[in-house]
Amino acid sequence: MDIIKLNTNKYFKDRVKKGYLWIFSNEIEMPNVKKISLVEVYDDKSNFIGMGVFNPHSLISVRILSKERKTIDKNFFINVIKNSLDYRKKLNIDTNYCRLVYGESDFLPGVVIDRYKNVFVIQFFSYAMELLFKEFILEALVELFTPDYVVIRNDFYHRELENAPLGKEVCYSKNSNKNDISLQEIYHFNAKFLVDVINGQKTGFYYDHLENRKYVYAISKDKKILDLCCYTGSFSIIAALGGAKHVVGVDSSSTSVSLAKENAKINNVKNIEFINEDVENFVKYDKEKYDIIIFDPPSYAKSKKDIKNAKKKYISMLDNIKNLLSKDGIMCFSVCSRHIDMDIIKDIIKSSILKNIQNLFIIYYGTQSLDHPIYMPMEYETKYLKFISFRLIL
């Protein structure tokens, strides 16, 4: 593979020395080469900075793979994936069911890999990583794990930022029939879940809430619980297994609700119901009271320019949700956007709930699970999930 030499310009501040893995388009001297390439990057004084992938059509022009000169081949990716696996084993993460690779935090920039035991799902946030190294990454997974299937899910909006096509495919099957893939049964905390790796949201399941689900399990006994934006029922079912008196899960997707009902069956929980309804409408018109309400919506802020409108939407939703809480109720509120930090979340709570209710106590802070490590030199880019639980005395 040809390696292109690339120079940064006078505006480049060498954050790579401190571990930052991105170089932006306004920080480099654009080369004559206008195609995605493997590059060696040098500063404006010709000092070597690192090796990475270059995409001339992306604001993130270079993603650094190594701060040393290395051969980027199958063995390179085997070593990176082995390191990410070893890290998770040291933390006693169940490596059969986890996020195996979390992009920049595992030094595989722009690449996410979720493992569902014998099925692996890859997302390429970097088009350059996909075009240049998809086959090496696939070969590394096959050599390390001998999977039944490897699926690529490139059907998400971030791809547009890379000028990359959307799509999904089963790119590897141990057997000849790639269309034979079915729902995967996984183990997560103390429950089983069926996962649709082809048509489900993101890669099919959200591993990132593991610790937050453990918390909900711990507080659920004898409680009446409402789970808003329940997807396939993970919070709902774990709350039911925690001894909840009754659980109601609500989601706008009929497909997700159908799978949630199946997940309730395989966990043998009876004190649970799932409702297919628009969540915004549900919280306006529901007349029931709940001891615990979990609100885990999709991201309202996909970029910084969305923050203002996202705040308005969160405030509007919480205004209605608080009316469904029983006396001395607990609310669990989750935000999955890196652009909404905890200070903004507290402002949202003050603008919606605290404007009428003063007796509010924060009882738990949560974030993404251990298999989604937050890489400190890129904390803003790798820390996205915030979870806050508070008690209201009405």
Protein backbone atom coordinates (compact mmCIF):
# COMPACT_ATOMS: atom_id res chain seq x y z
CA MET A 1 0.00 0.00 0.00
CA ASP A 2 1.37 3.40 -0.98
CA ILE A 3 2.06 5.79 1.88
CA ILE A 4 1.57 9.52 1.25
CA LYS A 5 3.61 12.14 3.10
CA LEU A 6 1.51 14.89 4.62
CA ASN A 7 2.55 18.11 6.34
CA THR A 8 0.72 20.13 8.94
CA ASN A 9 0.55 23.90 8.61
CA LYS A 10 1.36 26.76 10.99
CA TYR A 11 -2.08 26.50 12.63
CA PHE A 12 -1.43 22.96 13.87
CA LYS A 13 -1.05 22.64 17.63
CA ASP A 14 0.60 19.30 18.25
CA ARG A 15 -1.97 17.67 20.50
CA VAL A 16 -0.91 14.28 19.09
CA LYS A 17 2.09 14.36 21.46
CA LYS A 18 -0.42 14.44 24.32
CA GLY A 19 -2.43 11.53 22.94
CA TYR A 20 -5.00 13.26 20.74
CA LEU A 21 -5.67 11.16 17.62
CA TRP A 22 -7.32 13.60 15.22
CA ILE A 23 -5.88 16.22 12.88
CA PHE A 24 -8.41 18.55 11.27
CA SER A 25 -8.60 19.81 7.71
CA ASN A 26 -7.62 23.36 8.67
CA GLU A 27 -4.41 22.06 10.29
CA ILE A 28 -2.80 20.44 7.26
CA GLU A 29 -1.30 21.46 3.96
CA MET A 30 -3.68 19.76 1.56
CA PRO A 31 -1.70 17.44 -0.73
CA ASN A 32 -2.28 17.02 -4.42
CA VAL A 33 -3.60 13.54 -3.66
CA LYS A 34 -7.39 13.82 -3.39
CA LYS A 35 -8.11 10.24 -2.42
CA ILE A 36 -8.31 8.35 0.85
CA SER A 37 -4.78 7.26 1.76
CA LEU A 38 -2.48 5.87 4.40
CA VAL A 39 -0.24 8.77 5.41
CA GLU A 40 2.87 9.70 7.33
CA VAL A 41 2.30 13.08 8.96
CA TYR A 42 5.08 15.65 9.51
CA ASP A 43 4.93 19.09 11.06
CA ASP A 44 5.90 22.28 9.18
CA LYS A 45 9.53 21.70 10.25
CA SER A 46 9.51 18.16 8.81
CA ASN A 47 9.43 16.41 12.21
CA PHE A 48 7.59 13.08 12.14
CA ILE A 49 4.26 13.12 14.01
CA GLY A 50 2.67 9.77 13.25
CA MET A 51 0.98 7.43 10.79
CA GLY A 52 -2.71 7.55 10.07
CA VAL A 53 -5.53 7.46 7.57
CA PHE A 54 -6.36 10.53 5.49
CA ASN A 55 -9.79 11.45 4.15
CA PRO A 56 -9.81 14.66 2.04
CA HIS A 57 -13.61 14.86 2.30
CA SER A 58 -13.82 14.86 6.10
CA LEU A 59 -13.39 17.63 8.67
CA ILE A 60 -11.34 15.04 10.59
CA SER A 61 -8.70 14.78 7.88
CA VAL A 62 -6.33 12.40 9.66
CA ARG A 63 -6.94 9.76 12.31
CA ILE A 64 -3.69 8.63 13.90
CA LEU A 65 -2.98 4.88 14.01
CA SER A 66 0.55 4.98 15.38
CA LYS A 67 3.03 7.55 16.62
CA GLU A 68 5.78 5.25 15.30
CA ARG A 69 6.53 4.07 11.78
CA LYS A 70 4.94 0.65 11.50
CA THR A 71 3.70 -1.81 8.92
CA ILE A 72 -0.09 -1.55 9.00
CA ASP A 73 -1.17 -5.07 8.11
CA LYS A 74 -3.32 -7.88 9.49
CA ASN A 75 -0.91 -8.45 12.39
CA PHE A 76 -1.18 -4.79 13.38
CA PHE A 77 -4.94 -5.19 13.80
CA ILE A 78 -4.60 -8.54 15.55
CA ASN A 79 -2.39 -6.87 18.16
CA VAL A 80 -4.73 -3.91 18.64
CA ILE A 81 -7.79 -6.15 19.04
CA LYS A 82 -5.88 -8.49 21.39
CA ASN A 83 -4.99 -5.50 23.57
CA SER A 84 -8.62 -4.37 23.73
CA LEU A 85 -9.67 -7.92 24.64
CA ASP A 86 -7.02 -8.18 27.38
CA TYR A 87 -8.07 -4.84 28.88
CA ARG A 88 -11.65 -6.07 29.21
CA LYS A 89 -10.60 -9.40 30.70
CA LYS A 90 -8.57 -7.60 33.37
CA LEU A 91 -11.73 -5.73 34.40
CA ASN A 92 -13.76 -8.98 34.55
CA ILE A 93 -15.96 -7.90 31.66
CA ASP A 94 -17.78 -10.79 29.99
CA THR A 95 -15.89 -10.63 26.71
CA ASN A 96 -18.42 -12.89 24.97
CA TYR A 97 -20.97 -10.11 25.24
CA CYS A 98 -19.47 -6.63 25.14
CA ARG A 99 -18.15 -3.77 23.07
CA LEU A 100 -14.89 -5.33 22.00
CA VAL A 101 -13.45 -2.23 20.32
CA TYR A 102 -14.47 1.32 21.13
CA GLY A 103 -12.75 3.39 18.45
CA GLU A 104 -10.18 5.91 19.64
CA SER A 105 -10.34 4.57 23.21
CA ASP A 106 -8.92 1.26 21.94
CA PHE A 107 -6.54 2.92 19.45
CA LEU A 108 -8.56 1.77 16.46
CA PRO A 109 -9.88 5.19 15.45
CA GLY A 110 -13.24 5.35 13.75
CA VAL A 111 -14.01 1.65 14.31
CA VAL A 112 -16.53 0.09 16.71
CA ILE A 113 -16.90 -3.67 17.16
CA ASP A 114 -19.62 -5.26 19.32
CA ARG A 115 -19.45 -8.95 20.16
CA TYR A 116 -22.51 -11.16 20.53
CA LYS A 117 -20.57 -14.33 21.34
CA ASN A 118 -20.10 -15.86 17.86
CA VAL A 119 -21.41 -12.86 15.93
CA PHE A 120 -19.41 -9.64 15.55
CA VAL A 121 -20.87 -6.35 14.35
CA ILE A 122 -18.58 -3.62 12.99
CA GLN A 123 -19.38 0.05 12.48
CA PHE A 124 -16.99 2.22 10.48
CA PHE A 125 -17.22 5.84 11.58
CA SER A 126 -14.11 6.43 9.48
CA TYR A 127 -14.58 5.82 5.76
CA ALA A 128 -10.81 5.72 5.34
CA MET A 129 -10.51 2.87 7.85
CA GLU A 130 -13.18 0.97 5.98
CA LEU A 131 -11.75 1.43 2.48
CA LEU A 132 -8.13 0.77 3.45
CA PHE A 133 -8.38 -1.83 6.22
CA LYS A 134 -11.77 -3.54 6.22
CA GLU A 135 -10.27 -6.81 4.98
CA PHE A 136 -7.41 -6.78 7.50
CA ILE A 137 -9.85 -6.15 10.37
CA LEU A 138 -12.11 -8.93 9.14
CA GLU A 139 -9.16 -11.34 8.81
CA ALA A 140 -8.00 -10.42 12.31
CA LEU A 141 -11.44 -11.20 13.79
CA VAL A 142 -11.65 -14.52 11.96
CA GLU A 143 -8.16 -15.54 13.10
CA LEU A 144 -8.72 -14.51 16.72
CA PHE A 145 -12.30 -15.72 17.27
CA THR A 146 -13.44 -17.99 14.37
CA PRO A 147 -16.88 -16.29 14.39
CA ASP A 148 -20.05 -17.63 12.83
CA TYR A 149 -20.80 -14.25 11.26
CA VAL A 150 -19.35 -10.78 10.91
CA VAL A 151 -21.82 -8.02 10.10
CA ILE A 152 -21.07 -4.46 9.00
CA ARG A 153 -23.64 -1.86 10.06
CA ASN A 154 -22.86 1.39 8.26
CA ASP A 155 -26.43 2.69 8.35
CA PHE A 156 -25.99 5.69 10.67
CA TYR A 157 -25.87 9.45 10.18
CA HIS A 158 -22.17 9.92 11.11
CA ARG A 159 -21.29 8.40 7.75
CA GLU A 160 -22.53 11.55 6.02
CA LEU A 161 -19.81 13.54 7.80
CA GLU A 162 -17.25 11.30 6.08
CA ASN A 163 -18.91 11.57 2.66
CA ALA A 164 -19.42 7.82 2.95
CA PRO A 165 -22.26 5.64 1.62
CA LEU A 166 -24.81 4.07 3.96
CA GLY A 167 -25.40 0.34 4.03
CA LYS A 168 -25.23 -2.92 5.92
CA GLU A 169 -24.03 -6.39 5.01
CA VAL A 170 -23.10 -9.79 6.34
CA CYS A 171 -19.49 -9.67 5.20
CA TYR A 172 -18.42 -13.05 6.59
CA SER A 173 -20.15 -16.33 7.32
CA LYS A 174 -18.48 -19.52 8.52
CA ASN A 175 -21.01 -21.40 6.41
CA SER A 176 -21.80 -20.63 2.81
CA ASN A 177 -25.19 -18.99 3.43
CA LYS A 178 -24.78 -15.38 4.58
CA ASN A 179 -28.56 -14.91 4.71
CA ASP A 180 -28.99 -17.52 7.43
CA ILE A 181 -28.30 -15.17 10.33
CA SER A 182 -31.04 -15.01 12.96
CA LEU A 183 -31.73 -13.30 16.27
CA GLN A 184 -28.84 -13.73 18.70
CA GLU A 185 -29.48 -14.68 22.33
CA ILE A 186 -27.10 -12.87 24.66
CA TYR A 187 -26.49 -12.74 28.40
CA HIS A 188 -26.36 -9.31 30.00
CA PHE A 189 -26.05 -8.86 33.77
CA ASN A 190 -28.66 -11.34 35.09
CA ALA A 191 -30.89 -11.50 32.03
CA LYS A 192 -31.14 -12.91 28.52
CA PHE A 193 -31.98 -10.83 25.46
CA LEU A 194 -32.68 -11.53 21.82
CA VAL A 195 -30.71 -9.17 19.57
CA ASP A 196 -31.42 -8.33 15.95
CA VAL A 197 -27.95 -7.50 14.60
CA ILE A 198 -29.26 -6.77 11.11
CA ASN A 199 -32.24 -4.50 11.73
CA GLY A 200 -31.90 -3.40 15.35
CA GLN A 201 -30.74 0.05 16.44
CA LYS A 202 -26.97 0.71 16.23
CA THR A 203 -25.40 -2.79 16.36
CA GLY A 204 -28.54 -4.35 17.86
CA PHE A 205 -28.10 -3.86 21.62
CA TYR A 206 -26.87 -1.15 23.99
CA TYR A 207 -24.13 -2.62 26.16
CA ASP A 208 -23.21 0.84 27.45
CA HIS A 209 -25.87 0.96 30.21
CA LEU A 210 -24.68 -2.13 32.10
CA GLU A 211 -23.78 -0.38 35.37
CA ASN A 212 -26.88 1.83 35.18
CA ARG A 213 -29.07 -1.26 34.74
CA LYS A 214 -27.44 -2.79 37.82
CA TYR A 215 -28.40 0.36 39.72
CA VAL A 216 -32.01 0.17 38.52
CA TYR A 217 -32.12 -3.49 39.52
CA ALA A 218 -31.00 -2.56 43.03
CA ILE A 219 -33.78 0.01 43.58
CA SER A 220 -36.67 -1.78 41.85
CA LYS A 221 -38.06 -4.08 44.56
CA ASP A 222 -41.81 -3.55 45.13
CA LYS A 223 -41.85 -0.46 42.88
CA LYS A 224 -44.18 0.48 40.05
CA ILE A 225 -41.90 1.43 37.15
CA LEU A 226 -42.26 3.26 33.84
CA ASP A 227 -39.54 2.75 31.20
CA LEU A 228 -39.78 5.37 28.45
CA CYS A 229 -38.03 4.72 25.10
CA CYS A 230 -37.63 1.14 26.29
CA TYR A 231 -36.35 -0.25 22.95
CA THR A 232 -36.20 -4.06 23.39
CA GLY A 233 -36.84 -3.98 27.12
CA SER A 234 -33.44 -4.13 28.82
CA PHE A 235 -34.17 -1.70 31.69
CA SER A 236 -37.74 -2.99 32.01
CA ILE A 237 -36.83 -6.65 32.25
CA ILE A 238 -33.92 -6.11 34.64
CA ALA A 239 -36.22 -4.00 36.85
CA ALA A 240 -38.80 -6.81 36.80
CA LEU A 241 -36.12 -9.32 37.75
CA GLY A 242 -35.20 -6.94 40.59
CA GLY A 243 -38.60 -7.49 42.15
CA ALA A 244 -40.61 -4.61 40.71
CA LYS A 245 -44.31 -4.76 41.49
CA HIS A 246 -45.21 -3.80 37.92
CA VAL A 247 -43.28 -2.48 34.92
CA VAL A 248 -44.59 -0.59 31.89
CA GLY A 249 -42.28 -0.13 28.89
CA VAL A 250 -43.17 2.34 26.12
CA ASP A 251 -41.57 2.72 22.69
CA SER A 252 -42.64 4.16 19.34
CA SER A 253 -41.18 1.23 17.37
CA SER A 254 -43.55 -1.71 16.94
CA THR A 255 -40.61 -3.94 15.99
CA SER A 256 -38.77 -3.06 19.20
CA VAL A 257 -41.87 -3.62 21.32
CA SER A 258 -42.46 -7.04 19.73
CA LEU A 259 -38.90 -8.06 20.58
CA ALA A 260 -39.26 -6.65 24.10
CA LYS A 261 -42.27 -8.93 24.63
CA GLU A 262 -40.21 -11.90 23.45
CA ASN A 263 -37.43 -10.90 25.84
CA ALA A 264 -39.92 -10.81 28.72
CA LYS A 265 -41.00 -14.36 27.83
CA ILE A 266 -37.50 -15.83 27.74
CA ASN A 267 -36.78 -14.25 31.15
CA ASN A 268 -40.08 -15.58 32.51
CA VAL A 269 -41.20 -12.22 33.91
CA LYS A 270 -44.98 -11.75 34.24
CA ASN A 271 -45.31 -8.39 35.98
CA ILE A 272 -44.52 -6.42 32.84
CA GLU A 273 -46.28 -4.89 29.83
CA PHE A 274 -45.02 -3.15 26.73
CA ILE A 275 -46.91 -0.42 24.90
CA ASN A 276 -46.27 0.66 21.31
CA GLU A 277 -46.94 4.39 21.38
CA ASP A 278 -45.21 7.68 20.73
CA VAL A 279 -43.51 8.50 24.02
CA GLU A 280 -44.19 12.23 23.77
CA ASN A 281 -47.93 11.57 23.47
CA PHE A 282 -47.90 8.93 26.17
CA VAL A 283 -46.44 11.21 28.85
CA LYS A 284 -48.98 13.93 28.00
CA TYR A 285 -52.04 11.75 28.47
CA ASP A 286 -51.14 8.90 30.85
CA LYS A 287 -52.92 9.24 34.21
CA GLU A 288 -51.01 6.61 36.19
CA LYS A 289 -48.43 7.33 38.90
CA TYR A 290 -45.09 5.52 39.07
CA ASP A 291 -42.50 5.10 41.80
CA ILE A 292 -39.60 5.05 39.33
CA ILE A 293 -39.49 6.51 35.83
CA ILE A 294 -36.63 5.75 33.44
CA PHE A 295 -36.26 8.13 30.50
CA ASP A 296 -33.56 7.03 28.05
CA PRO A 297 -34.34 8.79 24.75
CA PRO A 298 -32.30 8.74 21.54
CA SER A 299 -29.84 11.58 21.07
CA TYR A 300 -31.51 14.96 20.58
CA ALA A 301 -28.15 16.64 19.85
CA LYS A 302 -26.14 15.10 17.03
CA SER A 303 -23.93 18.18 16.76
CA LYS A 304 -23.17 21.35 18.71
CA LYS A 305 -25.67 23.34 16.67
CA ASP A 306 -28.44 21.06 18.00
CA ILE A 307 -27.81 21.87 21.69
CA LYS A 308 -30.32 24.73 21.98
CA ASN A 309 -33.20 22.79 20.41
CA ALA A 310 -32.24 19.65 22.32
CA LYS A 311 -32.50 21.52 25.63
CA LYS A 312 -35.98 22.71 24.72
CA LYS A 313 -37.06 19.15 23.84
CA TYR A 314 -35.65 17.66 27.05
CA ILE A 315 -37.29 20.40 29.16
CA SER A 316 -40.64 19.84 27.46
CA MET A 317 -40.44 16.08 28.02
CA LEU A 318 -39.40 16.35 31.68
CA ASP A 319 -42.21 18.87 32.32
CA ASN A 320 -44.70 16.16 31.40
CA ILE A 321 -42.83 13.18 32.84
CA LYS A 322 -42.62 14.69 36.34
CA ASN A 323 -46.44 14.68 36.53
CA LEU A 324 -46.39 10.88 36.36
CA LEU A 325 -44.16 10.46 39.42
CA SER A 326 -45.69 9.32 42.67
CA LYS A 327 -44.96 10.99 46.00
CA ASP A 328 -41.29 10.45 46.88
CA GLY A 329 -40.64 9.14 43.36
CA ILE A 330 -37.33 8.53 41.59
CA MET A 331 -36.49 9.60 38.06
CA CYS A 332 -33.62 8.16 36.01
CA PHE A 333 -32.69 10.43 33.11
CA SER A 334 -30.16 9.50 30.45
CA VAL A 335 -28.52 11.54 27.68
CA CYS A 336 -26.45 9.84 24.97
CA SER A 337 -24.84 12.83 23.25
CA ARG A 338 -21.27 13.98 23.78
CA HIS A 339 -22.45 17.53 23.09
CA ILE A 340 -24.71 17.60 26.17
CA ASP A 341 -22.56 17.62 29.31
CA MET A 342 -23.67 17.19 32.92
CA ASP A 343 -23.80 20.95 33.52
CA ILE A 344 -26.30 21.29 30.64
CA ILE A 345 -28.28 18.35 32.04
CA LYS A 346 -28.50 20.08 35.43
CA ASP A 347 -29.70 23.26 33.70
CA ILE A 348 -32.37 21.17 31.95
CA ILE A 349 -33.51 19.73 35.29
CA LYS A 350 -33.57 23.18 36.92
CA SER A 351 -35.59 24.61 34.02
CA SER A 352 -38.16 21.80 33.99
CA ILE A 353 -38.51 20.15 37.39
CA LEU A 354 -36.91 22.54 39.87
CA LYS A 355 -38.94 25.53 38.70
CA ASN A 356 -41.92 24.13 40.66
CA ILE A 357 -40.40 21.51 42.96
CA GLN A 358 -37.59 22.37 45.36
CA ASN A 359 -37.16 19.04 47.16
CA LEU A 360 -34.93 17.26 44.66
CA PHE A 361 -32.01 15.05 45.69
CA ILE A 362 -29.44 13.58 43.28
CA ILE A 363 -28.88 9.98 44.37
CA TYR A 364 -26.82 8.46 41.56
CA TYR A 365 -24.55 9.52 38.70
CA GLY A 366 -23.79 7.03 35.95
CA THR A 367 -21.90 6.91 32.68
CA GLN A 368 -21.05 4.40 29.97
CA SER A 369 -19.97 0.90 30.98
CA LEU A 370 -16.39 -0.30 31.36
CA ASP A 371 -16.26 -1.75 27.85
CA HIS A 372 -16.73 1.82 26.55
CA PRO A 373 -13.61 3.33 28.17
CA ILE A 374 -13.24 7.11 28.26
CA TYR A 375 -9.87 8.06 26.76
CA MET A 376 -8.70 11.06 28.75
CA PRO A 377 -6.77 12.89 25.96
CA MET A 378 -10.04 12.76 24.00
CA GLU A 379 -12.52 12.89 26.86
CA TYR A 380 -14.95 15.13 24.99
CA GLU A 381 -14.96 12.80 21.98
CA THR A 382 -15.20 9.48 23.87
CA LYS A 383 -17.45 10.36 26.83
CA TYR A 384 -21.00 10.52 25.57
CA LEU A 385 -23.35 8.75 28.01
CA LYS A 386 -24.61 10.56 31.11
CA PHE A 387 -27.11 9.05 33.54
CA ILE A 388 -28.54 10.87 36.53
CA SER A 389 -31.03 9.58 39.07
CA PHE A 390 -32.83 11.92 41.42
CA ARG A 391 -35.50 11.66 44.07
CA LEU A 392 -38.41 14.09 44.21
CA ILE A 393 -40.36 14.74 47.37
CA LEU A 394 -43.66 16.09 46.12
